[in-house]
Amino acid sequence: MEHLNALDAIGAANGGTRASGTPGYAASRDYVVAQLEAAGYEPTVQAFDFPFYRQLSPATFEQVAPSPATYAEGTDFASMTYSGSGDVTATVQGVDLNLGDLAASTSGCEDADFAGFTAGNIALVRRGTCTFGEKVVNAQEAGAAAVVVMNQGTAGRTDAFAGTLGAPVATVPAYGTSFAIGQALAVDGAVAHVAIETESETRTTWNVFAETAGGDAENVVMTGAHLDSVVPGPGINDNGSGSAAILEVAQQMAKVKPKNKVRFAWWGAEELGLLGSEHYVADLEANAPSSLEDIALYLNFDMVGSPNYALFVYDGDNSKFPVGPSAAEGPEGSGAIEKLFHDYFAGEGTPSAETPFSGRSDYGPFIAVGIPAGGLFTGAEGVKTAEEAALFGGTAGVAYDACYHQACDTIANVNVDAIDHNSDAIAHAILTYGMSTQAVNGGKGRPVGPPSPDGVPSGSGTSEGGGLHADHDHELPLS
């Protein structure tokens, strides 16, 4: 809790955010490094560039003519991530909209689509075929002063939507809107007003690492949590909670002599798509593949203090959530990690439940290269079920974290009981595997046989709700 209060103070002193690319994140990095050094570690900092984006003001979108209308941000339209800035009132010009064929659209995907486009107009394109980034780049190269992407019009693709350009490629405003609003603008004489102010550029951020001086360097137990918040808030539950938990474990382990080397990681730019952990794994793949092979397992802790919490364990053996669109396959050995957490909670007389092993937090890059993984999660914007409320307390029908990705994710948003349960479980897992990874990989290298049978212990929950609704998902559609 001391670490969480410190991170909360850092957020308050830096405009209410600790997002990568902001002074609040740099201060969070410095805090973690200073705490590690005081405990006797020699932490390292890994810098990498990433695409930063921040919307600085509410966006405006209005139809001026022929039928004036004002559209509501978040309901009728949304700015694209990596939109450029601008304040434009101009004629709306449809680009290869092909509204008579709703099954397909290549609108804005080809340079030829913009033949005859009048520079200075607002380009109206339809969703489909290529990425939003390609559509916007093509439009601005043709002289568009802004770009509006209407939804496709097919089943499931009619409403206003949030999208991403994938990188800071836009120099003009870029919005996503509904099919109906697009139709209203696709008429002769349509004039619109769009206005938005953004920061969209490449910036530098950092991962922080510390590891025990001793232990087998060819059988590394790795644990991580993302240190960054979203731009709108200080992220004290998401994910100051996981960051503080592993920092405290690292401090308490400073004098321990594990048999396996234990490596702690605090990831940057997770909120923009797991960029810190992706960078780390890709860098090892390219430059030190043997070091990647030395990682015996990875433990991830992302949101472990949700106010209306449930005690979710990642379903490493896919017994509850089979491999499919919402669940990735857990590498061999991941089921044993799941079992360790369930067994720990059962031993404390505390229930636990499963959440899908979806790969949408920082363990994703590790399981993608076959490293066994697991971890804990207390829920995000998903809604707690009645069954979960019976198991864990709290309020059914309410989000696990009503302040998820919002300014109110401060120290007041953290449930101390959830932190207490999970920090003990985190310490137990890290210490256990620091001494032996036998149950996961036979004690050395990659798994040599099937993991331990993964039976959910008596008193554990098997709720569908947490896993299906609570996944920590940062991805936005590209097309």
Protein backbone atom coordinates (compact mmCIF):
# COMPACT_ATOMS: atom_id res chain seq x y z
CA MET A 1 0.00 0.00 0.00
CA GLU A 2 2.96 2.34 0.52
CA HIS A 3 3.96 1.75 -3.10
CA LEU A 4 0.39 2.33 -4.27
CA ASN A 5 0.18 5.59 -2.33
CA ALA A 6 3.47 6.67 -3.89
CA LEU A 7 2.20 5.90 -7.41
CA ASP A 8 -1.04 7.73 -6.65
CA ALA A 9 0.96 10.78 -5.56
CA ILE A 10 3.03 10.57 -8.76
CA GLY A 11 -0.16 10.58 -10.81
CA ALA A 12 -1.59 13.53 -8.89
CA ALA A 13 1.63 15.51 -9.41
CA ASN A 14 1.68 14.84 -13.15
CA GLY A 15 -1.70 15.83 -14.51
CA GLY A 16 -3.53 12.76 -13.24
CA THR A 17 -1.76 10.25 -15.47
CA ARG A 18 1.15 7.81 -15.48
CA ALA A 19 0.81 6.88 -19.16
CA SER A 20 3.91 5.92 -21.12
CA GLY A 21 5.28 8.95 -22.89
CA THR A 22 4.32 11.33 -20.08
CA PRO A 23 6.31 12.71 -17.11
CA GLY A 24 4.12 10.61 -14.81
CA TYR A 25 5.47 7.42 -16.34
CA ALA A 26 9.07 8.64 -16.13
CA ALA A 27 8.51 9.41 -12.45
CA SER A 28 6.98 5.94 -11.93
CA ARG A 29 10.05 4.38 -13.56
CA ASP A 30 12.34 6.39 -11.30
CA TYR A 31 10.38 5.36 -8.22
CA VAL A 32 10.65 1.65 -9.02
CA VAL A 33 14.35 1.94 -9.83
CA ALA A 34 15.07 3.81 -6.58
CA GLN A 35 13.16 1.25 -4.51
CA LEU A 36 15.03 -1.62 -6.15
CA GLU A 37 18.40 0.01 -5.66
CA ALA A 38 17.64 0.65 -1.99
CA ALA A 39 16.90 -3.06 -1.62
CA GLY A 40 20.28 -3.98 -3.09
CA TYR A 41 19.33 -4.81 -6.68
CA GLU A 42 21.08 -3.50 -9.77
CA PRO A 43 18.05 -2.69 -11.93
CA THR A 44 18.31 -2.17 -15.67
CA VAL A 45 16.17 0.08 -17.84
CA GLN A 46 15.35 -0.84 -21.45
CA ALA A 47 14.34 2.07 -23.67
CA PHE A 48 12.19 1.66 -26.78
CA ASP A 49 10.22 3.93 -29.07
CA PHE A 50 6.46 3.67 -29.35
CA PRO A 51 3.56 5.54 -30.96
CA PHE A 52 2.16 7.97 -28.38
CA TYR A 53 -1.36 9.37 -28.65
CA ARG A 54 -3.39 11.70 -26.47
CA GLN A 55 -6.59 13.60 -27.19
CA LEU A 56 -6.27 17.04 -25.61
CA SER A 57 -9.80 18.33 -26.00
CA PRO A 58 -13.33 17.08 -26.65
CA ALA A 59 -13.94 16.42 -30.33
CA THR A 60 -16.58 18.31 -32.33
CA PHE A 61 -18.58 16.87 -35.23
CA GLU A 62 -21.51 18.71 -36.82
CA GLN A 63 -23.41 18.65 -40.08
CA VAL A 64 -23.75 22.29 -41.11
CA ALA A 65 -25.78 21.78 -44.32
CA PRO A 66 -28.16 20.87 -45.81
CA SER A 67 -29.74 19.58 -42.56
CA PRO A 68 -27.89 20.94 -39.51
CA ALA A 69 -27.17 18.33 -36.83
CA THR A 70 -24.80 18.08 -33.88
CA TYR A 71 -23.29 14.68 -33.11
CA ALA A 72 -22.29 13.41 -29.67
CA GLU A 73 -18.78 12.10 -29.10
CA GLY A 74 -18.80 8.54 -27.84
CA THR A 75 -22.35 7.96 -29.08
CA ASP A 76 -22.54 9.21 -32.67
CA PHE A 77 -18.83 9.22 -33.44
CA ALA A 78 -15.39 8.64 -31.97
CA SER A 79 -12.01 10.03 -32.87
CA MET A 80 -9.55 7.51 -34.26
CA THR A 81 -6.51 6.74 -32.13
CA TYR A 82 -3.61 8.65 -33.76
CA SER A 83 -5.98 11.19 -35.33
CA GLY A 84 -4.33 14.45 -36.30
CA SER A 85 -5.47 17.87 -35.09
CA GLY A 86 -7.56 20.44 -36.92
CA ASP A 87 -10.62 22.67 -37.00
CA VAL A 88 -12.31 22.36 -40.39
CA THR A 89 -15.61 23.41 -41.92
CA ALA A 90 -15.82 22.10 -45.47
CA THR A 91 -17.81 20.24 -48.10
CA VAL A 92 -18.12 16.50 -47.51
CA GLN A 93 -17.08 14.44 -50.53
CA GLY A 94 -17.89 10.76 -50.71
CA VAL A 95 -15.11 8.49 -51.94
CA ASP A 96 -16.12 5.31 -53.80
CA LEU A 97 -18.86 4.68 -51.23
CA ASN A 98 -20.73 2.13 -53.34
CA LEU A 99 -23.71 2.30 -50.99
CA GLY A 100 -25.69 -0.02 -53.22
CA ASP A 101 -23.43 -2.95 -52.29
CA LEU A 102 -23.27 -3.30 -48.52
CA ALA A 103 -21.50 -6.66 -48.64
CA ALA A 104 -18.13 -5.20 -49.58
CA SER A 105 -16.31 -1.90 -49.64
CA THR A 106 -12.90 -0.86 -50.91
CA SER A 107 -13.69 2.80 -50.31
CA GLY A 108 -10.49 4.80 -49.87
CA CYS A 109 -8.19 1.82 -50.28
CA GLU A 110 -6.79 2.80 -53.67
CA ASP A 111 -5.28 6.02 -55.00
CA ALA A 112 -7.69 5.80 -57.93
CA ASP A 113 -10.60 6.22 -55.50
CA PHE A 114 -9.54 9.86 -55.07
CA ALA A 115 -9.45 10.78 -58.74
CA GLY A 116 -11.35 14.07 -58.95
CA PHE A 117 -11.23 14.68 -55.20
CA THR A 118 -11.27 18.39 -54.36
CA ALA A 119 -8.43 19.37 -52.05
CA GLY A 120 -9.68 20.95 -48.83
CA ASN A 121 -12.86 18.88 -48.69
CA ILE A 122 -13.69 16.39 -45.94
CA ALA A 123 -13.32 12.85 -47.28
CA LEU A 124 -16.15 10.44 -46.42
CA VAL A 125 -15.05 6.82 -46.82
CA ARG A 126 -16.69 3.53 -45.89
CA ARG A 127 -15.23 0.90 -43.62
CA GLY A 128 -13.90 -2.25 -45.25
CA THR A 129 -11.06 -4.17 -46.98
CA CYS A 130 -8.02 -2.10 -45.93
CA THR A 131 -7.00 -0.53 -42.63
CA PHE A 132 -8.25 2.81 -41.37
CA GLY A 133 -4.66 4.04 -41.52
CA GLU A 134 -4.44 3.29 -45.24
CA LYS A 135 -7.72 5.07 -45.94
CA VAL A 136 -6.67 8.17 -43.99
CA VAL A 137 -3.19 8.36 -45.53
CA ASN A 138 -4.64 8.03 -49.03
CA ALA A 139 -7.20 10.75 -48.28
CA GLN A 140 -4.74 13.25 -46.85
CA GLU A 141 -2.37 12.65 -49.77
CA ALA A 142 -5.28 13.64 -52.02
CA GLY A 143 -5.63 16.87 -50.05
CA ALA A 144 -8.44 15.99 -47.63
CA ALA A 145 -8.72 18.38 -44.69
CA ALA A 146 -10.34 15.68 -42.54
CA VAL A 147 -11.52 12.08 -42.92
CA VAL A 148 -14.77 10.53 -41.70
CA VAL A 149 -15.04 6.73 -41.84
CA MET A 150 -18.64 5.54 -41.85
CA ASN A 151 -19.41 2.01 -40.71
CA GLN A 152 -19.93 -0.62 -43.38
CA GLY A 153 -23.66 -1.12 -43.09
CA THR A 154 -23.59 -4.89 -42.80
CA ALA A 155 -24.93 -6.86 -39.84
CA GLY A 156 -22.92 -5.93 -36.76
CA ARG A 157 -21.25 -3.02 -38.54
CA THR A 158 -23.77 -0.19 -38.45
CA ASP A 159 -23.09 1.76 -35.25
CA ALA A 160 -20.50 4.41 -34.51
CA PHE A 161 -17.17 2.86 -33.59
CA ALA A 162 -13.74 3.60 -32.16
CA GLY A 163 -10.81 2.63 -34.34
CA THR A 164 -7.07 3.07 -34.52
CA LEU A 165 -4.82 4.18 -37.35
CA GLY A 166 -2.12 1.94 -35.90
CA ALA A 167 0.57 4.63 -35.81
CA PRO A 168 0.96 8.44 -35.91
CA VAL A 169 0.29 8.65 -39.66
CA ALA A 170 -2.47 11.28 -39.72
CA THR A 171 -1.97 15.02 -40.07
CA VAL A 172 -5.73 15.71 -40.24
CA PRO A 173 -8.71 14.83 -38.01
CA ALA A 174 -9.99 11.27 -38.43
CA TYR A 175 -13.32 10.03 -37.04
CA GLY A 176 -15.36 6.84 -37.07
CA THR A 177 -19.13 7.18 -37.28
CA SER A 178 -22.28 5.18 -37.90
CA PHE A 179 -23.59 4.03 -41.25
CA ALA A 180 -26.68 6.20 -40.81
CA ILE A 181 -24.69 9.38 -40.20
CA GLY A 182 -22.52 8.52 -43.19
CA GLN A 183 -25.65 8.23 -45.32
CA ALA A 184 -26.81 11.64 -44.10
CA LEU A 185 -23.50 13.16 -45.17
CA ALA A 186 -23.37 11.37 -48.54
CA VAL A 187 -25.69 13.87 -50.21
CA ASP A 188 -25.10 16.79 -52.53
CA GLY A 189 -24.30 20.00 -50.70
CA ALA A 190 -23.33 18.34 -47.42
CA VAL A 191 -21.07 20.51 -45.28
CA ALA A 192 -19.57 19.43 -41.96
CA HIS A 193 -17.55 20.91 -39.13
CA VAL A 194 -14.93 18.79 -37.37
CA ALA A 195 -12.52 19.95 -34.67
CA ILE A 196 -10.07 18.09 -32.43
CA GLU A 197 -6.73 18.71 -30.75
CA THR A 198 -4.38 15.76 -30.25
CA GLU A 199 -0.80 14.76 -29.58
CA SER A 200 0.24 11.97 -31.94
CA GLU A 201 3.93 11.20 -32.31
CA THR A 202 6.70 8.70 -31.67
CA ARG A 203 8.07 8.88 -28.11
CA THR A 204 10.43 6.88 -25.92
CA THR A 205 9.40 4.78 -22.95
CA TRP A 206 11.02 2.11 -20.80
CA ASN A 207 10.82 -1.36 -19.31
CA VAL A 208 12.45 -1.86 -15.90
CA PHE A 209 14.10 -5.14 -14.84
CA ALA A 210 15.72 -6.52 -11.71
CA GLU A 211 16.88 -10.04 -10.93
CA THR A 212 18.31 -12.00 -8.06
CA ALA A 213 22.08 -12.16 -7.95
CA GLY A 214 22.06 -15.92 -7.52
CA GLY A 215 20.07 -18.81 -8.88
CA ASP A 216 20.26 -20.91 -12.01
CA ALA A 217 20.52 -18.50 -14.95
CA GLU A 218 19.48 -21.27 -17.32
CA ASN A 219 16.14 -21.76 -15.55
CA VAL A 220 14.78 -18.25 -15.00
CA VAL A 221 11.51 -17.61 -13.20
CA MET A 222 10.13 -14.39 -14.63
CA THR A 223 7.31 -12.25 -13.29
CA GLY A 224 5.95 -8.98 -14.62
CA ALA A 225 3.33 -6.26 -14.36
CA HIS A 226 2.73 -3.24 -16.55
CA LEU A 227 3.73 0.03 -14.92
CA ASP A 228 1.90 2.42 -17.24
CA SER A 229 -1.63 3.76 -16.91
CA VAL A 230 -3.99 4.97 -19.60
CA VAL A 231 -3.88 8.68 -20.40
CA PRO A 232 -7.20 9.58 -18.67
CA GLY A 233 -6.19 8.39 -15.20
CA PRO A 234 -3.36 7.42 -12.82
CA GLY A 235 -4.07 3.68 -13.06
CA ILE A 236 -3.68 2.70 -9.42
CA ASN A 237 -5.61 -0.54 -9.82
CA ASP A 238 -4.69 -0.82 -13.52
CA ASN A 239 -1.92 -1.51 -13.00
CA GLY A 240 -0.32 0.09 -9.99
CA SER A 241 -1.69 -2.90 -8.07
CA GLY A 242 0.33 -5.53 -9.92
CA SER A 243 3.39 -3.29 -10.12
CA ALA A 244 3.33 -2.58 -6.38
CA ALA A 245 2.80 -6.24 -5.51
CA ILE A 246 5.83 -7.53 -7.40
CA LEU A 247 7.93 -4.59 -6.20
CA GLU A 248 7.18 -5.50 -2.59
CA VAL A 249 7.94 -9.17 -3.28
CA ALA A 250 11.24 -8.17 -4.88
CA GLN A 251 12.17 -6.10 -1.83
CA GLN A 252 11.27 -8.89 0.57
CA MET A 253 13.23 -11.40 -1.54
CA ALA A 254 16.39 -9.32 -1.66
CA LYS A 255 18.21 -11.54 0.86
CA VAL A 256 16.68 -14.83 -0.32
CA LYS A 257 18.94 -17.21 -2.22
CA PRO A 258 16.68 -18.96 -4.74
CA LYS A 259 17.82 -22.02 -6.64
CA ASN A 260 16.51 -20.49 -9.88
CA LYS A 261 17.22 -16.93 -10.94
CA VAL A 262 14.13 -14.75 -10.45
CA ARG A 263 13.66 -11.83 -12.84
CA PHE A 264 11.14 -9.05 -12.17
CA ALA A 265 9.79 -6.84 -14.98
CA TRP A 266 7.79 -3.63 -15.05
CA TRP A 267 6.47 -3.11 -18.57
CA GLY A 268 5.96 0.16 -20.43
CA ALA A 269 3.29 0.95 -23.04
CA GLU A 270 1.12 -2.06 -22.24
CA GLU A 271 -1.97 0.07 -22.61
CA LEU A 272 -1.20 0.67 -26.30
CA GLY A 273 -0.99 -3.03 -27.11
CA LEU A 274 1.52 -4.90 -24.88
CA LEU A 275 4.33 -2.94 -26.52
CA GLY A 276 6.87 -3.29 -23.70
CA SER A 277 6.61 -7.06 -23.36
CA GLU A 278 6.40 -7.46 -27.13
CA HIS A 279 9.61 -5.46 -27.49
CA TYR A 280 11.39 -7.53 -24.85
CA VAL A 281 10.46 -10.91 -26.32
CA ALA A 282 11.16 -9.80 -29.90
CA ASP A 283 14.54 -8.40 -28.87
CA LEU A 284 15.50 -11.70 -27.22
CA GLU A 285 14.29 -13.68 -30.24
CA ALA A 286 16.42 -11.57 -32.55
CA ASN A 287 19.53 -11.04 -30.45
CA ALA A 288 19.66 -13.60 -27.63
CA PRO A 289 17.52 -16.66 -28.45
CA SER A 290 19.33 -18.78 -25.87
CA SER A 291 18.27 -16.30 -23.17
CA LEU A 292 14.67 -16.70 -24.28
CA GLU A 293 15.05 -20.47 -23.99
CA ASP A 294 16.31 -20.01 -20.43
CA ILE A 295 12.97 -18.56 -19.24
CA ALA A 296 11.24 -21.44 -17.47
CA LEU A 297 7.93 -19.67 -16.93
CA TYR A 298 6.29 -16.27 -16.79
CA LEU A 299 3.87 -14.99 -14.11
CA ASN A 300 1.70 -11.98 -14.93
CA PHE A 301 -0.17 -9.72 -12.51
CA ASP A 302 -2.43 -7.14 -14.13
CA MET A 303 -5.19 -5.62 -11.97
CA VAL A 304 -5.12 -7.47 -8.64
CA GLY A 305 -6.99 -4.93 -6.49
CA SER A 306 -10.33 -4.30 -8.23
CA PRO A 307 -12.90 -2.70 -5.89
CA ASN A 308 -15.68 -5.24 -6.65
CA TYR A 309 -13.17 -8.03 -7.05
CA ALA A 310 -13.21 -11.71 -7.86
CA LEU A 311 -10.14 -13.90 -7.47
CA PHE A 312 -9.55 -15.06 -11.03
CA VAL A 313 -6.74 -17.42 -12.05
CA TYR A 314 -5.77 -17.73 -15.70
CA ASP A 315 -7.06 -21.01 -17.14
CA GLY A 316 -3.68 -22.34 -18.23
CA ASP A 317 -4.87 -25.82 -19.25
CA ASN A 318 -7.95 -24.55 -21.13
CA SER A 319 -10.18 -26.89 -19.11
CA LYS A 320 -12.76 -24.18 -18.44
CA PHE A 321 -12.27 -22.05 -21.54
CA PRO A 322 -11.25 -24.17 -24.55
CA VAL A 323 -9.05 -22.70 -27.25
CA GLY A 324 -11.10 -20.40 -29.45
CA PRO A 325 -11.66 -16.74 -30.29
CA SER A 326 -11.62 -15.72 -26.61
CA ALA A 327 -9.02 -18.13 -25.26
CA ALA A 328 -5.46 -18.86 -26.37
CA GLU A 329 -3.80 -22.21 -25.85
CA GLY A 330 -1.72 -22.36 -22.69
CA PRO A 331 1.76 -23.77 -23.39
CA GLU A 332 2.52 -27.05 -21.68
CA GLY A 333 3.16 -26.39 -18.00
CA SER A 334 0.66 -23.54 -17.76
CA GLY A 335 -1.93 -25.85 -16.19
CA ALA A 336 0.47 -26.58 -13.35
CA ILE A 337 0.79 -22.85 -12.66
CA GLU A 338 -2.99 -22.52 -12.58
CA LYS A 339 -3.16 -25.41 -10.12
CA LEU A 340 -0.60 -23.83 -7.82
CA PHE A 341 -2.74 -20.70 -7.47
CA HIS A 342 -5.98 -22.62 -6.94
CA ASP A 343 -4.29 -24.84 -4.36
CA TYR A 344 -2.89 -21.82 -2.55
CA PHE A 345 -6.27 -20.09 -2.29
CA ALA A 346 -7.96 -23.33 -1.22
CA GLY A 347 -5.33 -23.77 1.49
CA GLU A 348 -6.22 -20.32 2.78
CA GLY A 349 -9.92 -21.19 2.77
CA THR A 350 -10.51 -18.72 -0.06
CA PRO A 351 -12.43 -19.51 -3.27
CA SER A 352 -11.01 -18.85 -6.72
CA ALA A 353 -12.35 -18.99 -10.27
CA GLU A 354 -11.04 -19.08 -13.83
CA THR A 355 -10.61 -16.42 -16.49
CA PRO A 356 -9.70 -17.18 -20.11
CA PHE A 357 -6.07 -17.51 -21.08
CA SER A 358 -6.65 -14.99 -23.85
CA GLY A 359 -3.16 -13.51 -24.24
CA ARG A 360 -4.45 -9.94 -23.94
CA SER A 361 -2.05 -8.90 -21.21
CA ASP A 362 1.72 -9.07 -20.99
CA TYR A 363 1.89 -12.84 -20.83
CA GLY A 364 0.68 -12.89 -24.46
CA PRO A 365 4.14 -12.52 -26.06
CA PHE A 366 5.51 -15.24 -23.77
CA ILE A 367 2.87 -17.86 -24.55
CA ALA A 368 3.28 -17.00 -28.25
CA VAL A 369 6.82 -18.42 -28.08
CA GLY A 370 5.81 -21.43 -25.98
CA ILE A 371 6.78 -20.25 -22.50
CA PRO A 372 4.46 -21.60 -19.75
CA ALA A 373 2.58 -18.76 -18.08
CA GLY A 374 -0.08 -17.92 -15.55
CA GLY A 375 -1.24 -15.21 -13.24
CA LEU A 376 -4.03 -13.48 -11.35
CA PHE A 377 -6.71 -10.95 -12.25
CA THR A 378 -9.55 -9.36 -10.27
CA GLY A 379 -11.73 -8.08 -13.11
CA ALA A 380 -12.07 -4.95 -15.20
CA GLU A 381 -15.17 -3.54 -16.89
CA GLY A 382 -17.02 -6.87 -16.89
CA VAL A 383 -20.04 -7.28 -14.60
CA LYS A 384 -19.92 -9.47 -11.49
CA THR A 385 -22.41 -12.32 -11.54
CA ALA A 386 -24.63 -13.41 -8.67
CA GLU A 387 -22.60 -16.61 -8.38
CA GLU A 388 -19.37 -14.61 -8.09
CA ALA A 389 -20.92 -12.30 -5.48
CA ALA A 390 -21.82 -15.39 -3.43
CA LEU A 391 -18.22 -16.61 -3.67
CA PHE A 392 -16.29 -13.38 -3.20
CA GLY A 393 -18.71 -10.85 -1.75
CA GLY A 394 -19.27 -7.50 -3.40
CA THR A 395 -22.18 -6.50 -5.58
CA ALA A 396 -23.70 -8.54 -8.40
CA GLY A 397 -24.68 -6.67 -11.53
CA VAL A 398 -21.92 -4.10 -11.05
CA ALA A 399 -18.56 -3.89 -12.82
CA TYR A 400 -15.55 -5.38 -11.07
CA ASP A 401 -13.88 -2.01 -11.57
CA ALA A 402 -16.27 0.82 -12.38
CA CYS A 403 -13.27 3.16 -12.70
CA TYR A 404 -11.50 1.00 -15.28
CA HIS A 405 -9.51 3.28 -17.63
CA GLN A 406 -10.96 6.40 -16.01
CA ALA A 407 -9.70 9.34 -13.96
CA CYS A 408 -11.21 7.82 -10.80
CA ASP A 409 -8.75 4.89 -10.82
CA THR A 410 -6.95 6.39 -7.81
CA ILE A 411 -5.90 4.95 -4.46
CA ALA A 412 -9.58 5.14 -3.44
CA ASN A 413 -10.36 2.61 -6.18
CA VAL A 414 -8.26 -0.20 -4.70
CA ASN A 415 -9.75 -2.95 -2.53
CA VAL A 416 -7.28 -3.71 0.27
CA ASP A 417 -8.73 -7.19 0.85
CA ALA A 418 -8.08 -8.08 -2.81
CA ILE A 419 -4.53 -6.75 -2.50
CA ASP A 420 -4.05 -8.80 0.68
CA HIS A 421 -5.25 -12.06 -0.87
CA ASN A 422 -3.37 -11.62 -4.12
CA SER A 423 -0.08 -10.24 -2.83
CA ASP A 424 0.27 -13.31 -0.59
CA ALA A 425 -0.53 -15.61 -3.53
CA ILE A 426 1.97 -13.73 -5.71
CA ALA A 427 4.71 -14.08 -3.10
CA HIS A 428 3.88 -17.79 -2.69
CA ALA A 429 4.14 -18.47 -6.43
CA ILE A 430 7.35 -16.53 -7.00
CA LEU A 431 9.08 -18.11 -3.99
CA THR A 432 7.84 -21.59 -4.87
CA TYR A 433 9.15 -21.43 -8.42
CA GLY A 434 12.28 -19.65 -7.30
CA MET A 435 13.10 -22.84 -5.43
CA SER A 436 11.77 -25.39 -7.94
CA THR A 437 10.02 -25.42 -11.31
CA GLN A 438 9.73 -29.22 -11.27
CA ALA A 439 5.94 -29.22 -11.59
CA VAL A 440 6.04 -26.90 -14.61
CA ASN A 441 9.01 -27.99 -16.72
CA GLY A 442 10.67 -30.88 -14.99
CA GLY A 443 13.11 -28.48 -13.38
CA LYS A 444 15.01 -27.28 -16.43
CA GLY A 445 14.27 -25.78 -19.81
CA ARG A 446 11.01 -26.43 -21.63
CA PRO A 447 8.37 -28.81 -20.25
CA VAL A 448 9.41 -32.45 -20.56
CA GLY A 449 6.04 -33.99 -19.83
CA PRO A 450 2.40 -33.19 -19.14
CA PRO A 451 1.66 -30.76 -16.32
CA SER A 452 0.17 -31.88 -13.05
CA PRO A 453 -3.54 -32.75 -13.29
CA ASP A 454 -5.50 -29.53 -12.93
CA GLY A 455 -8.48 -30.25 -10.73
CA VAL A 456 -10.24 -27.23 -9.30
CA PRO A 457 -10.09 -27.70 -5.52
CA SER A 458 -13.10 -27.86 -3.26
CA GLY A 459 -14.48 -24.42 -2.50
CA SER A 460 -13.24 -22.95 -5.76
CA GLY A 461 -15.57 -21.15 -8.07
CA THR A 462 -16.22 -22.13 -11.66
CA SER A 463 -18.14 -19.06 -12.71
CA GLU A 464 -18.59 -18.37 -16.39
CA GLY A 465 -19.04 -14.65 -15.81
CA GLY A 466 -15.58 -13.42 -14.86
CA GLY A 467 -13.78 -15.02 -17.71
CA LEU A 468 -16.28 -14.18 -20.38
CA HIS A 469 -16.73 -10.55 -19.46
CA ALA A 470 -13.64 -9.39 -17.62
CA ASP A 471 -10.79 -9.82 -20.05
CA HIS A 472 -8.31 -6.97 -19.99
CA ASP A 473 -8.50 -5.92 -23.62
CA HIS A 474 -6.61 -2.92 -24.95
CA GLU A 475 -6.95 -3.59 -28.66
CA LEU A 476 -9.01 -1.39 -30.96
CA PRO A 477 -10.05 -2.35 -34.49
CA LEU A 478 -7.65 -1.47 -37.30
CA SER A 479 -10.22 -1.96 -40.06
